[in-house]
Amino acid sequence: MIGKHIKYKIHLIILLVTLVSNAQQDPQYTQYMYNMSVINPGYATDDAEVINFGALYRAQWVGSEGGPTTGTFFAHSPIAKKVEMGISVVHDEIGDVVKESNVYVDFAYVLNLNESNKLSFGIKGGATFYSTNFNGFIYSDELPDPAFAENLSKTFPNIGVGAFYFGENYYLGLSSPNLLKSKHLEKQDGVIATGVEEIHYFFTGGYVFNLNDNLKFKPAFMTKAVVGAPLSLDLTANFLINNVFELGAGYRWDDSVSGLVNFKITPSLRIGYAYDYTLSNLGKFNTGSHEIMLLFDLNKKGKTNGYDKSPRFF
């Protein structure tokens, strides 16, 4: 009974902290350059022959009770000469207490600026499914805080917009995947019992330097801004060897350092792994964060050109 009591007190503390921070911060990704469909609805490939699929799973702050976990899935493909569409799903959990799922349909329109540069504008629309489960909590007071008095199950509509400028060796993206603020709880009798999903803004970019026929250098960055939270900046530097093996390192400003690796298992299948070592005070209470990704390109004509002509190459 004592162990269970301590367990749920820890859950409660983590939940309170995360409700404050996650009300302001979307899930973060270390392999963000391969997860663009989730971040930016303007993302485009300009490759009519290929349907792109991707999945990612992230376990954050492993070793801490109730550490967040995130899973994403996307599918994307051109459907007309200048039109591309896709679907994206993001599922986020905090322990066994808070669950949030976002399901979207993405639409992008691609403009050919010249022979080598393209600009796409996108919009995404869908819904957020939010639920809480406080049944396992044990309270020292006879009457619990109103914020945790009953479980929640709510659904919110949401939309997002984005722009994506790209060529064969580079890209820049600006997006806001959630434009509508969603109130999960309410303020009652002076007690703060609200989790608000604030509007997030993402600015991303990457470039591929061809050092020689067998080696490419791929720096990238992602900046995330939201009202009420510090600016988040990710810097990543990867080396691609023989177009098969990729190795790199990353730094998230004032938060963590990362190591990244991925392999092209087949011309159409790539698997990757990233590890984050926490530099902040949270590092005392966890052993780091782990992230696994899986990318698959389905060629409509049965070819195996893989990633060479797609912005997913970044």
Protein backbone atom coordinates (compact mmCIF):
# COMPACT_ATOMS: atom_id res chain seq x y z
CA MET A 1 0.00 0.00 0.00
CA ILE A 2 2.85 2.38 0.83
CA GLY A 3 4.58 1.63 -2.48
CA LYS A 4 1.36 2.23 -4.37
CA HIS A 5 0.79 5.46 -2.48
CA ILE A 6 4.29 6.70 -3.33
CA LYS A 7 3.88 5.62 -6.94
CA TYR A 8 0.76 7.66 -7.45
CA LYS A 9 2.13 10.64 -5.57
CA ILE A 10 5.00 10.63 -8.07
CA HIS A 11 2.49 10.26 -10.89
CA LEU A 12 0.60 13.25 -9.53
CA ILE A 13 3.70 15.44 -9.29
CA ILE A 14 4.81 14.52 -12.82
CA LEU A 15 1.31 15.07 -14.11
CA LEU A 16 1.12 18.54 -12.57
CA VAL A 17 4.49 19.53 -14.01
CA THR A 18 3.64 18.10 -17.42
CA LEU A 19 0.22 19.74 -17.54
CA VAL A 20 1.99 23.06 -17.11
CA SER A 21 4.71 22.34 -19.67
CA ASN A 22 2.70 20.30 -22.19
CA ALA A 23 -0.02 22.90 -22.15
CA GLN A 24 2.69 25.00 -23.76
CA GLN A 25 4.87 22.45 -25.57
CA ASP A 26 3.99 19.86 -28.20
CA PRO A 27 5.88 16.55 -28.20
CA GLN A 28 9.50 16.97 -29.27
CA TYR A 29 11.40 14.87 -31.80
CA THR A 30 15.11 14.29 -32.29
CA GLN A 31 14.71 12.83 -35.80
CA TYR A 32 12.50 15.76 -36.82
CA MET A 33 14.02 15.97 -40.32
CA TYR A 34 12.35 12.64 -41.14
CA ASN A 35 9.06 13.58 -39.48
CA MET A 36 8.13 16.66 -41.52
CA SER A 37 4.63 15.49 -42.45
CA VAL A 38 3.64 15.69 -38.77
CA ILE A 39 5.16 19.14 -38.20
CA ASN A 40 4.36 20.93 -41.48
CA PRO A 41 1.24 20.42 -43.66
CA GLY A 42 3.04 22.29 -46.44
CA TYR A 43 5.60 19.49 -46.71
CA ALA A 44 5.85 18.18 -50.28
CA THR A 45 7.95 15.64 -52.17
CA ASP A 46 7.18 16.51 -55.80
CA ASP A 47 7.61 12.81 -56.64
CA ALA A 48 4.39 11.54 -58.19
CA GLU A 49 5.61 7.94 -58.34
CA VAL A 50 6.07 7.41 -54.59
CA ILE A 51 3.80 7.05 -51.56
CA ASN A 52 5.73 7.84 -48.37
CA PHE A 53 5.01 6.13 -45.05
CA GLY A 54 6.65 6.83 -41.71
CA ALA A 55 6.31 5.80 -38.07
CA LEU A 56 8.13 7.05 -34.99
CA TYR A 57 8.07 6.07 -31.32
CA ARG A 58 9.66 8.16 -28.56
CA ALA A 59 10.08 7.26 -24.88
CA GLN A 60 11.11 10.39 -23.00
CA TRP A 61 12.89 10.55 -19.65
CA VAL A 62 13.16 6.77 -19.31
CA GLY A 63 13.45 5.68 -15.69
CA SER A 64 11.19 8.40 -14.31
CA GLU A 65 7.71 7.29 -13.29
CA GLY A 66 5.12 8.55 -15.74
CA GLY A 67 7.61 9.73 -18.36
CA PRO A 68 5.90 10.82 -21.63
CA THR A 69 5.72 8.52 -24.63
CA THR A 70 4.84 9.61 -28.17
CA GLY A 71 3.96 7.69 -31.30
CA THR A 72 3.47 9.16 -34.78
CA PHE A 73 2.40 7.81 -38.15
CA PHE A 74 2.08 9.50 -41.53
CA ALA A 75 1.35 8.66 -45.15
CA HIS A 76 1.94 11.16 -47.95
CA SER A 77 1.76 11.24 -51.74
CA PRO A 78 1.16 13.56 -54.70
CA ILE A 79 -2.32 13.05 -56.17
CA ALA A 80 -2.14 15.55 -59.05
CA LYS A 81 0.49 17.65 -60.83
CA LYS A 82 0.57 20.37 -58.14
CA VAL A 83 -1.46 18.78 -55.36
CA GLU A 84 -0.23 16.49 -52.56
CA MET A 85 -2.18 14.95 -49.69
CA GLY A 86 -1.51 12.89 -46.61
CA ILE A 87 -2.66 11.76 -43.20
CA SER A 88 -0.85 12.15 -39.89
CA VAL A 89 -1.51 10.71 -36.44
CA VAL A 90 0.18 11.73 -33.17
CA HIS A 91 -0.51 9.84 -29.93
CA ASP A 92 0.93 11.17 -26.67
CA GLU A 93 0.74 9.59 -23.18
CA ILE A 94 1.90 10.72 -19.74
CA GLY A 95 2.15 7.57 -17.66
CA ASP A 96 -1.24 5.86 -17.57
CA VAL A 97 -2.93 9.15 -16.59
CA VAL A 98 -3.14 11.48 -19.62
CA LYS A 99 -3.70 10.43 -23.23
CA GLU A 100 -3.97 12.68 -26.27
CA SER A 101 -4.38 11.70 -29.92
CA ASN A 102 -4.32 14.03 -32.94
CA VAL A 103 -5.62 12.81 -36.31
CA TYR A 104 -5.23 15.00 -39.39
CA VAL A 105 -5.70 15.09 -43.14
CA ASP A 106 -3.08 17.22 -44.93
CA PHE A 107 -3.39 19.14 -48.22
CA ALA A 108 -0.48 20.89 -50.00
CA TYR A 109 -0.33 22.91 -53.21
CA VAL A 110 3.08 23.10 -54.93
CA LEU A 111 4.30 26.07 -56.99
CA ASN A 112 7.23 25.72 -59.38
CA LEU A 113 9.26 28.90 -58.88
CA ASN A 114 11.88 27.83 -61.44
CA GLU A 115 13.59 24.66 -62.64
CA SER A 116 15.18 23.87 -59.27
CA ASN A 117 13.13 25.68 -56.59
CA LYS A 118 9.59 24.94 -55.40
CA LEU A 119 7.29 26.47 -52.81
CA SER A 120 4.32 24.66 -51.33
CA PHE A 121 1.51 25.87 -49.08
CA GLY A 122 -0.42 23.46 -46.93
CA ILE A 123 -3.33 23.13 -44.55
CA LYS A 124 -4.27 20.32 -42.20
CA GLY A 125 -7.58 19.63 -40.51
CA GLY A 126 -8.65 17.08 -37.97
CA ALA A 127 -9.43 16.44 -34.34
CA THR A 128 -7.74 16.08 -30.95
CA PHE A 129 -8.95 13.33 -28.59
CA TYR A 130 -8.04 13.99 -24.95
CA SER A 131 -8.67 11.81 -21.89
CA THR A 132 -7.50 11.44 -18.29
CA ASN A 133 -7.61 8.58 -15.81
CA PHE A 134 -7.24 9.50 -12.14
CA ASN A 135 -8.67 6.24 -10.76
CA GLY A 136 -5.35 5.07 -9.33
CA PHE A 137 -4.67 8.21 -7.31
CA ILE A 138 -4.62 8.05 -3.51
CA TYR A 139 -5.30 11.35 -1.76
CA SER A 140 -4.23 12.48 1.69
CA ASP A 141 -7.24 14.82 1.90
CA GLU A 142 -10.79 13.55 2.15
CA LEU A 143 -11.86 15.67 -0.85
CA PRO A 144 -9.43 15.72 -3.80
CA ASP A 145 -8.43 18.79 -5.75
CA PRO A 146 -11.24 19.65 -8.22
CA ALA A 147 -8.73 19.25 -11.03
CA PHE A 148 -8.55 15.52 -10.31
CA ALA A 149 -12.06 14.88 -9.00
CA GLU A 150 -13.26 13.14 -12.17
CA ASN A 151 -11.90 11.66 -15.37
CA LEU A 152 -12.13 13.58 -18.62
CA SER A 153 -12.85 12.55 -22.18
CA LYS A 154 -13.08 15.36 -24.73
CA THR A 155 -12.73 15.91 -28.47
CA PHE A 156 -11.60 19.17 -30.09
CA PRO A 157 -11.46 20.22 -33.75
CA ASN A 158 -8.16 21.63 -34.97
CA ILE A 159 -6.47 23.03 -38.07
CA GLY A 160 -2.89 23.85 -39.04
CA VAL A 161 -1.02 25.70 -41.80
CA GLY A 162 2.47 25.62 -43.24
CA ALA A 163 4.80 26.62 -46.06
CA PHE A 164 7.68 24.58 -47.46
CA TYR A 165 10.42 25.92 -49.75
CA PHE A 166 12.72 23.28 -51.22
CA GLY A 167 15.11 22.15 -53.94
CA GLU A 168 17.10 18.98 -54.49
CA ASN A 169 19.64 19.76 -51.76
CA TYR A 170 17.86 21.98 -49.25
CA TYR A 171 14.59 22.96 -47.59
CA LEU A 172 13.09 25.63 -45.34
CA GLY A 173 9.77 25.24 -43.57
CA LEU A 174 7.50 27.48 -41.51
CA SER A 175 4.40 26.02 -39.90
CA SER A 176 1.87 25.96 -37.10
CA PRO A 177 0.26 22.49 -36.90
CA ASN A 178 -2.35 23.48 -34.27
CA LEU A 179 -4.00 26.87 -34.67
CA LEU A 180 -6.92 26.41 -32.28
CA LYS A 181 -6.38 26.62 -28.54
CA SER A 182 -7.94 23.68 -26.66
CA LYS A 183 -8.91 23.97 -22.99
CA HIS A 184 -8.71 20.58 -21.33
CA LEU A 185 -9.92 21.65 -17.90
CA GLU A 186 -11.37 24.81 -16.39
CA LYS A 187 -10.58 27.25 -13.59
CA GLN A 188 -12.90 26.73 -10.65
CA ASP A 189 -13.07 28.61 -7.34
CA GLY A 190 -9.62 30.07 -7.79
CA VAL A 191 -8.07 26.66 -8.39
CA ILE A 192 -6.04 26.34 -11.60
CA ALA A 193 -7.32 23.18 -13.22
CA THR A 194 -6.67 23.98 -16.84
CA GLY A 195 -4.42 22.58 -19.53
CA VAL A 196 -4.41 24.85 -22.59
CA GLU A 197 -2.91 23.77 -25.89
CA GLU A 198 -1.15 26.95 -27.02
CA ILE A 199 -0.34 27.74 -30.66
CA HIS A 200 3.08 26.41 -31.71
CA TYR A 201 5.29 27.81 -34.46
CA PHE A 202 7.99 25.72 -36.16
CA PHE A 203 10.85 26.97 -38.35
CA THR A 204 12.93 24.21 -39.92
CA GLY A 205 15.71 23.92 -42.44
CA GLY A 206 18.35 21.59 -43.85
CA TYR A 207 21.02 21.33 -46.51
CA VAL A 208 22.97 18.48 -48.10
CA PHE A 209 26.65 19.03 -48.94
CA ASN A 210 28.05 16.48 -51.38
CA LEU A 211 31.58 16.04 -50.01
CA ASN A 212 32.33 13.25 -52.50
CA ASP A 213 30.57 10.41 -54.29
CA ASN A 214 30.30 8.37 -51.09
CA LEU A 215 29.92 10.97 -48.35
CA LYS A 216 27.32 13.66 -47.71
CA PHE A 217 27.13 16.16 -44.86
CA LYS A 218 23.58 17.02 -43.75
CA PRO A 219 23.18 19.86 -41.19
CA ALA A 220 19.63 20.69 -40.09
CA PHE A 221 17.80 22.79 -37.51
CA MET A 222 14.38 23.14 -35.94
CA THR A 223 13.13 26.08 -33.90
CA LYS A 224 9.92 25.82 -31.90
CA ALA A 225 8.22 28.88 -30.36
CA VAL A 226 5.14 29.10 -28.16
CA VAL A 227 3.77 31.78 -25.85
CA GLY A 228 4.72 31.23 -22.21
CA ALA A 229 7.64 28.86 -22.83
CA PRO A 230 11.33 29.29 -23.69
CA LEU A 231 12.35 29.12 -27.34
CA SER A 232 13.39 25.59 -28.31
CA LEU A 233 16.26 25.13 -30.77
CA ASP A 234 17.52 21.84 -32.20
CA LEU A 235 20.79 21.67 -34.17
CA THR A 236 21.74 18.45 -35.94
CA ALA A 237 24.70 17.36 -38.06
CA ASN A 238 24.54 14.03 -39.90
CA PHE A 239 26.92 12.24 -42.28
CA LEU A 240 25.49 9.90 -44.91
CA ILE A 241 27.91 7.20 -46.07
CA ASN A 242 27.38 5.38 -49.38
CA ASN A 243 23.71 6.48 -49.29
CA VAL A 244 23.14 3.62 -46.83
CA PHE A 245 24.48 4.39 -43.35
CA GLU A 246 23.86 7.67 -41.55
CA LEU A 247 25.50 8.83 -38.33
CA GLY A 248 25.11 12.14 -36.55
CA ALA A 249 24.82 14.21 -33.39
CA GLY A 250 22.40 16.84 -32.16
CA TYR A 251 22.04 19.51 -29.50
CA ARG A 252 18.80 20.85 -28.06
CA TRP A 253 19.50 24.25 -26.56
CA ASP A 254 19.89 24.13 -22.77
CA ASP A 255 18.23 20.69 -22.65
CA SER A 256 20.06 17.71 -24.14
CA VAL A 257 22.65 16.25 -26.50
CA SER A 258 21.78 13.46 -28.92
CA GLY A 259 23.26 10.70 -31.03
CA LEU A 260 21.50 9.55 -34.21
CA VAL A 261 21.99 6.58 -36.50
CA ASN A 262 19.95 5.07 -39.34
CA PHE A 263 20.33 2.37 -41.99
CA LYS A 264 18.81 1.83 -45.40
CA ILE A 265 17.75 -1.80 -45.04
CA THR A 266 16.42 -1.94 -48.61
CA PRO A 267 16.14 0.76 -51.32
CA SER A 268 12.67 1.54 -49.94
CA LEU A 269 13.05 0.85 -46.20
CA ARG A 270 15.04 2.82 -43.65
CA ILE A 271 15.20 2.35 -39.87
CA GLY A 272 16.69 4.83 -37.40
CA TYR A 273 17.44 5.29 -33.71
CA ALA A 274 18.25 8.34 -31.58
CA TYR A 275 19.27 8.73 -27.95
CA ASP A 276 19.00 11.96 -25.93
CA TYR A 277 21.10 12.59 -22.83
CA THR A 278 19.40 15.16 -20.60
CA LEU A 279 21.58 18.12 -19.54
CA SER A 280 18.98 19.91 -17.41
CA ASN A 281 18.13 19.12 -13.78
CA LEU A 282 15.69 16.46 -15.02
CA GLY A 283 18.74 14.39 -15.91
CA LYS A 284 19.08 13.46 -12.23
CA PHE A 285 15.81 11.54 -12.41
CA ASN A 286 16.05 9.69 -15.74
CA THR A 287 18.44 7.75 -17.96
CA GLY A 288 17.68 9.67 -21.16
CA SER A 289 15.20 9.46 -24.02
CA HIS A 290 14.99 6.89 -26.83
CA GLU A 291 13.47 7.32 -30.28
CA ILE A 292 12.93 4.78 -33.07
CA MET A 293 11.74 5.57 -36.59
CA LEU A 294 10.73 3.53 -39.61
CA LEU A 295 10.42 4.97 -43.13
CA PHE A 296 9.01 3.17 -46.15
CA ASP A 297 8.59 4.36 -49.74
CA LEU A 298 6.07 2.53 -51.91
CA ASN A 299 6.68 3.14 -55.59
CA LYS A 300 3.46 3.10 -57.60
CA LYS A 301 5.29 1.67 -60.61
CA GLY A 302 7.32 -0.88 -58.69
CA LYS A 303 10.64 0.95 -58.99
CA THR A 304 13.15 1.26 -56.13
CA ASN A 305 14.49 4.80 -56.38
CA GLY A 306 14.16 5.28 -52.61
CA TYR A 307 15.05 8.65 -51.08
CA ASP A 308 17.37 10.19 -53.64
CA LYS A 309 14.88 12.63 -55.20
CA SER A 310 12.70 13.41 -52.21
CA PRO A 311 12.95 16.07 -49.47
CA ARG A 312 12.62 13.10 -47.12
CA PHE A 313 16.28 12.62 -48.00
CA PHE A 314 16.91 15.36 -45.45
